[in-house]
């Protein structure tokens, strides 16, 4: 598989959060647990919850698939960047095999709807809870507000209501799902939700007062993968992020000139006007959603 150009990113254009994470293919991805190179006689923990639970036929198929890969890996014994590249290829193979399996399963569902005549009266939505890093910035997993994990797939099929093949680029969120479903079912909006029905957008209408910015907040730190707490605002072109708790750093990216978010322009004077505007809009969104002041989450000193 082609490697992303920033597989060996040195994070020179980013901040401490990017440098201090624990989700890199090089340092974090485990040969055994993540890439399934279980040696003969393995036991305990992850093994017992996965491979150890297989019946005889499942184990036979598993060994037939993975034993040759493990043996070849031991012969190669890659080191340094060669090891990173080997791990990346192994990771991509497993990940995309899973995607293919999901794709085939979705196909079976669509075929069932067609066979039973329900396809013309069923809304089909394909989405996810977040994106995923496939080697970009040298990472796997998710969590960060950077594009690869921040963006989420959303494909909707609704015969008679959505034009097949149409594309909408307005900023929508999973916050909008519940109200969209209620609207499609003809049920009233209870009035205490934070999203908005997407039906007008899906029908191709021009909604002048639709949002033009989106708020994000990640606060699961200290925790697995060590992605620092951060919140931010994203528009169609710019992204402003504040990393806090044990650090106090701001990052800003121009997605038009830097779509891969390699260079933080927060301190670039030429972006001062845009930066100040983003700060104002970020504060407005934090007020709108009733965010707790970040100082409430500061580390407490240990005497």
Protein backbone atom coordinates (compact mmCIF):
# COMPACT_ATOMS: atom_id res chain seq x y z
CA UNK A 1 0.00 0.00 0.00
CA UNK A 2 1.30 3.52 -0.74
CA UNK A 3 2.74 5.19 2.35
CA UNK A 4 1.40 8.61 3.41
CA UNK A 5 4.04 11.28 2.80
CA UNK A 6 4.12 12.10 6.53
CA UNK A 7 4.47 8.54 7.83
CA UNK A 8 7.75 9.67 9.42
CA UNK A 9 6.50 13.08 10.54
CA UNK A 10 8.84 14.87 12.97
CA UNK A 11 6.03 17.22 14.13
CA UNK A 12 8.29 20.24 13.67
CA UNK A 13 5.34 22.30 12.49
CA UNK A 14 3.00 21.14 15.24
CA UNK A 15 2.94 21.36 19.02
CA UNK A 16 3.76 19.32 22.12
CA UNK A 17 0.53 17.30 21.92
CA UNK A 18 1.54 15.83 18.56
CA UNK A 19 5.04 15.02 19.80
CA UNK A 20 4.00 13.53 23.14
CA UNK A 21 1.10 11.28 22.06
CA UNK A 22 1.31 7.52 22.44
CA UNK A 23 -0.38 6.32 19.25
CA UNK A 24 2.45 6.07 16.75
CA UNK A 25 3.00 3.09 14.50
CA UNK A 26 6.69 3.25 15.33
CA UNK A 27 6.56 3.30 19.13
CA UNK A 28 3.03 2.30 20.18
CA UNK A 29 1.73 -0.28 17.73
CA UNK A 30 2.40 -3.73 19.20
CA UNK A 31 3.66 -6.56 17.04
CA UNK A 32 1.78 -9.21 19.00
CA UNK A 33 -1.44 -7.66 20.34
CA UNK A 34 -2.14 -5.14 17.55
CA UNK A 35 -0.76 -7.03 14.55
CA UNK A 36 -1.69 -10.50 15.82
CA UNK A 37 1.73 -12.12 15.59
CA UNK A 38 0.99 -14.50 18.47
CA UNK A 39 3.87 -16.92 19.15
CA UNK A 40 3.22 -20.62 19.83
CA UNK A 41 2.13 -21.21 23.41
CA UNK A 42 0.83 -17.67 23.94
CA UNK A 43 -1.68 -17.12 26.75
CA UNK A 44 -3.24 -14.53 29.00
CA UNK A 45 -4.90 -11.13 28.58
CA UNK A 46 -5.80 -10.16 25.03
CA UNK A 47 -4.94 -13.64 23.74
CA UNK A 48 -7.43 -15.37 26.02
CA UNK A 49 -10.17 -12.92 25.01
CA UNK A 50 -9.56 -13.41 21.28
CA UNK A 51 -7.55 -16.28 19.81
CA UNK A 52 -7.90 -18.35 22.97
CA UNK A 53 -11.70 -18.41 22.57
CA UNK A 54 -11.68 -19.91 19.08
CA UNK A 55 -13.03 -23.36 18.36
CA UNK A 56 -10.94 -25.91 16.48
CA UNK A 57 -12.03 -24.87 12.98
CA UNK A 58 -11.63 -21.16 13.68
CA UNK A 59 -8.16 -21.77 15.08
CA UNK A 60 -7.19 -23.83 12.04
CA UNK A 61 -8.16 -21.00 9.70
CA UNK A 62 -6.42 -18.46 11.93
CA UNK A 63 -3.17 -20.38 11.97
CA UNK A 64 -3.38 -21.01 8.23
CA UNK A 65 -3.57 -17.25 7.69
CA UNK A 66 -1.27 -15.79 10.31
CA UNK A 67 1.41 -18.40 10.94
CA UNK A 68 3.11 -17.89 7.53
CA UNK A 69 3.06 -14.12 8.13
CA UNK A 70 4.57 -14.49 11.59
CA UNK A 71 7.26 -16.87 10.37
CA UNK A 72 8.19 -14.56 7.49
CA UNK A 73 8.36 -11.62 9.89
CA UNK A 74 10.75 -13.48 12.17
CA UNK A 75 12.97 -14.30 9.19
CA UNK A 76 12.99 -10.70 7.98
CA UNK A 77 13.57 -9.27 11.46
CA UNK A 78 13.09 -5.68 10.23
CA UNK A 79 14.55 -2.83 12.27
CA UNK A 80 14.20 0.95 12.38
CA UNK A 81 12.25 2.47 9.50
CA UNK A 82 11.97 -0.92 7.84
CA UNK A 83 10.06 -2.14 10.89
CA UNK A 84 7.74 0.88 10.74
CA UNK A 85 7.07 0.18 7.08
CA UNK A 86 6.39 -3.49 7.77
CA UNK A 87 3.97 -2.62 10.58
CA UNK A 88 2.22 -0.08 8.36
CA UNK A 89 1.69 -2.62 5.57
CA UNK A 90 0.42 -5.25 8.02
CA UNK A 91 -1.90 -2.71 9.65
CA UNK A 92 -3.31 -1.56 6.31
CA UNK A 93 -3.90 -5.11 5.13
CA UNK A 94 -5.91 -6.00 8.23
CA UNK A 95 -7.76 -2.69 8.34
CA UNK A 96 -8.82 -2.73 4.70
CA UNK A 97 -9.79 -6.40 4.92
CA UNK A 98 -12.15 -5.37 7.70
CA UNK A 99 -13.49 -2.52 5.58
CA UNK A 100 -14.12 -4.97 2.74
CA UNK A 101 -16.04 -7.23 5.11
CA UNK A 102 -18.17 -4.29 6.28
CA UNK A 103 -18.78 -3.30 2.67
CA UNK A 104 -19.94 -6.80 1.78
CA UNK A 105 -22.26 -6.86 4.80
CA UNK A 106 -23.78 -3.51 3.84
CA UNK A 107 -24.32 -4.96 0.38
CA UNK A 108 -26.23 -7.90 1.84
CA UNK A 109 -28.49 -5.55 3.79
CA UNK A 110 -29.20 -3.46 0.69
CA UNK A 111 -29.91 -6.61 -1.29
CA UNK A 112 -32.33 -7.80 1.39
CA UNK A 113 -34.20 -4.49 1.27
CA UNK A 114 -34.44 -4.76 -2.50
CA UNK A 115 -35.54 -8.40 -2.45
CA UNK A 116 -38.29 -7.68 0.08
CA UNK A 117 -39.49 -4.53 -1.67
CA UNK A 118 -38.62 -2.30 1.29
CA UNK A 119 -35.83 -0.38 -0.45
CA UNK A 120 -38.14 2.39 -1.72
CA UNK A 121 -39.48 3.10 1.76
CA UNK A 122 -36.32 2.77 3.87
CA UNK A 123 -33.75 5.38 4.82
CA UNK A 124 -30.26 3.84 4.75
CA UNK A 125 -27.49 5.73 6.55
CA UNK A 126 -23.83 4.76 6.46
CA UNK A 127 -21.71 6.58 9.01
CA UNK A 128 -19.22 6.09 11.86
CA UNK A 129 -18.32 7.58 15.22
CA UNK A 130 -15.11 9.16 13.87
CA UNK A 131 -12.39 8.83 11.27
CA UNK A 132 -9.17 6.86 11.74
CA UNK A 133 -5.47 7.42 11.11
CA UNK A 134 -3.98 5.18 8.46
CA UNK A 135 -0.37 6.17 8.95
CA UNK A 136 -0.84 9.93 8.55
CA UNK A 137 1.54 11.73 10.92
CA UNK A 138 2.87 8.24 11.68
CA UNK A 139 -0.26 7.40 13.67
CA UNK A 140 -3.00 4.84 14.07
CA UNK A 141 -6.16 5.21 16.20
CA UNK A 142 -8.13 8.50 16.43
CA UNK A 143 -8.89 11.16 19.15
CA UNK A 144 -7.15 14.25 17.74
CA UNK A 145 -9.05 17.10 16.07
CA UNK A 146 -6.82 16.80 13.01
CA UNK A 147 -8.66 15.99 9.79
CA UNK A 148 -8.11 12.24 9.48
CA UNK A 149 -9.89 11.41 12.74
CA UNK A 150 -12.11 14.50 12.89
CA UNK A 151 -13.89 13.88 9.60
CA UNK A 152 -16.65 11.27 9.63
CA UNK A 153 -18.24 9.39 6.71
CA UNK A 154 -21.92 10.12 6.06
CA UNK A 155 -23.77 8.56 3.12
CA UNK A 156 -27.58 8.55 3.02
CA UNK A 157 -29.98 6.81 0.63
CA UNK A 158 -33.64 7.80 0.67
CA UNK A 159 -35.49 7.18 -2.60
CA UNK A 160 -37.82 9.99 -3.60
CA UNK A 161 -36.27 12.45 -1.17
CA UNK A 162 -32.50 12.54 -1.83
CA UNK A 163 -31.11 12.89 -5.34
CA UNK A 164 -28.82 9.88 -6.00
CA UNK A 165 -25.18 10.91 -6.31
CA UNK A 166 -25.76 14.38 -4.87
CA UNK A 167 -23.14 15.90 -2.57
CA UNK A 168 -23.62 18.48 0.18
CA UNK A 169 -20.67 20.30 1.76
CA UNK A 170 -22.44 22.06 4.62
CA UNK A 171 -21.04 21.35 8.08
CA UNK A 172 -23.14 18.67 9.77
CA UNK A 173 -22.55 16.70 12.96
CA UNK A 174 -23.72 13.57 14.70
CA UNK A 175 -25.57 16.01 16.95
CA UNK A 176 -27.94 16.42 14.01
CA UNK A 177 -28.84 12.75 13.67
CA UNK A 178 -31.60 12.53 16.30
CA UNK A 179 -33.52 15.55 15.03
CA UNK A 180 -33.12 14.36 11.45
CA UNK A 181 -34.65 11.00 12.33
CA UNK A 182 -37.51 12.65 14.24
CA UNK A 183 -38.18 14.99 11.33
CA UNK A 184 -38.17 12.14 8.81
CA UNK A 185 -40.66 10.25 10.99
CA UNK A 186 -42.89 13.30 11.35
CA UNK A 187 -42.24 13.53 15.09
CA UNK A 188 -41.84 16.90 16.82
CA UNK A 189 -38.49 18.31 17.92
CA UNK A 190 -38.51 18.27 21.76
CA UNK A 191 -36.66 21.58 21.79
CA UNK A 192 -33.87 20.64 24.18
CA UNK A 193 -31.43 19.07 21.71
CA UNK A 194 -28.24 20.69 20.42
CA UNK A 195 -28.47 19.57 16.80
CA UNK A 196 -30.73 20.36 13.87
CA UNK A 197 -32.60 18.36 11.25
CA UNK A 198 -30.58 17.84 8.08
CA UNK A 199 -33.62 17.09 5.92
CA UNK A 200 -33.65 20.48 4.16
CA UNK A 201 -30.00 19.99 3.19
CA UNK A 202 -30.64 16.43 2.05
CA UNK A 203 -33.44 17.68 -0.18
CA UNK A 204 -31.08 20.13 -1.83
CA UNK A 205 -32.45 23.27 -0.20
CA UNK A 206 -30.26 26.30 0.45
CA UNK A 207 -30.47 26.87 4.21
CA UNK A 208 -29.05 30.34 4.74
CA UNK A 209 -28.77 30.14 8.53
CA UNK A 210 -27.07 26.73 8.67
CA UNK A 211 -23.95 26.53 10.84
CA UNK A 212 -20.64 27.53 9.27
CA UNK A 213 -18.46 26.33 12.15
CA UNK A 214 -18.26 23.22 14.33
CA UNK A 215 -17.12 22.73 17.93
CA UNK A 216 -15.06 19.78 19.16
CA UNK A 217 -13.85 18.79 22.63
CA UNK A 218 -11.69 15.81 23.62
CA UNK A 219 -11.00 15.37 27.34
CA UNK A 220 -9.99 11.73 27.86
CA UNK A 221 -6.53 12.41 29.28
CA UNK A 222 -4.50 11.08 31.04
CA UNK A 223 -5.64 7.86 29.41
CA UNK A 224 -4.81 5.33 26.70
CA UNK A 225 -2.76 6.78 23.82
CA UNK A 226 -1.99 9.95 25.80
CA UNK A 227 -3.74 12.42 23.49
CA UNK A 228 -3.90 15.64 25.45
CA UNK A 229 -7.18 17.34 26.24
CA UNK A 230 -8.19 19.86 23.63
CA UNK A 231 -11.12 21.75 22.21
CA UNK A 232 -11.47 23.79 19.07
CA UNK A 233 -13.49 25.24 16.24
CA UNK A 234 -13.44 24.25 12.58
CA UNK A 235 -14.82 26.12 9.59
CA UNK A 236 -14.66 25.07 5.96
CA UNK A 237 -11.14 26.52 5.73
CA UNK A 238 -9.67 27.10 9.18
CA UNK A 239 -9.21 25.20 12.40
CA UNK A 240 -8.32 26.64 15.82
CA UNK A 241 -7.38 24.20 18.60
CA UNK A 242 -6.49 24.74 22.26
CA UNK A 243 -4.55 22.01 24.08
CA UNK A 244 -4.90 22.39 27.83
CA UNK A 245 -4.73 20.65 31.23
CA UNK A 246 -1.01 19.95 31.58
CA UNK A 247 -0.02 22.32 28.75
CA UNK A 248 -1.39 25.58 27.35
CA UNK A 249 -0.85 25.65 23.59
CA UNK A 250 -2.82 26.95 20.64
CA UNK A 251 -2.69 25.62 17.11
CA UNK A 252 -4.28 27.00 13.96
CA UNK A 253 -4.33 25.50 10.48
CA UNK A 254 -5.28 26.80 7.04
CA UNK A 255 -6.83 23.77 5.37
CA UNK A 256 -6.79 25.42 1.96
CA UNK A 257 -3.01 25.85 1.86
CA UNK A 258 -2.15 23.08 4.33
CA UNK A 259 -4.78 20.31 4.06
CA UNK A 260 -2.57 17.81 5.93
CA UNK A 261 -2.10 20.18 8.91
CA UNK A 262 1.67 20.16 8.91
CA UNK A 263 2.29 23.81 9.86
CA UNK A 264 0.74 25.61 12.81
CA UNK A 265 0.09 29.24 11.78
CA UNK A 266 -1.27 30.47 15.11
CA UNK A 267 1.61 32.94 15.60
CA UNK A 268 1.80 33.97 11.93
CA UNK A 269 0.96 37.72 11.79
CA UNK A 270 -0.70 37.33 8.40
CA UNK A 271 -3.42 35.23 10.06
CA UNK A 272 -4.02 37.59 13.00
CA UNK A 273 -7.43 38.84 11.84
CA UNK A 274 -8.70 35.32 11.11
CA UNK A 275 -7.27 34.02 14.39
CA UNK A 276 -8.99 36.73 16.45
CA UNK A 277 -12.30 36.05 14.72
CA UNK A 278 -11.97 32.32 15.40
CA UNK A 279 -11.31 33.03 19.07
CA UNK A 280 -14.54 35.04 19.31
CA UNK A 281 -16.55 32.36 17.56
CA UNK A 282 -14.98 29.62 19.68
CA UNK A 283 -15.99 31.42 22.87
CA UNK A 284 -19.52 31.79 21.51
CA UNK A 285 -19.79 28.07 20.84
CA UNK A 286 -18.42 27.18 24.26
CA UNK A 287 -21.07 29.42 25.82
CA UNK A 288 -23.76 27.93 23.59
CA UNK A 289 -22.98 24.39 24.69
CA UNK A 290 -22.52 25.30 28.35
CA UNK A 291 -18.89 24.21 28.53
CA UNK A 292 -17.20 24.06 31.92
CA UNK A 293 -14.26 26.47 32.24
CA UNK A 294 -11.05 24.64 31.45
CA UNK A 295 -9.48 25.81 34.72
CA UNK A 296 -11.81 23.36 36.48
CA UNK A 297 -9.78 20.53 34.94
CA UNK A 298 -6.29 21.69 35.87
CA UNK A 299 -3.95 19.21 37.51
CA UNK A 300 -3.90 19.54 41.26
CA UNK A 301 -0.50 19.80 42.94
CA UNK A 302 0.55 16.83 45.05
CA UNK A 303 2.10 17.78 48.37
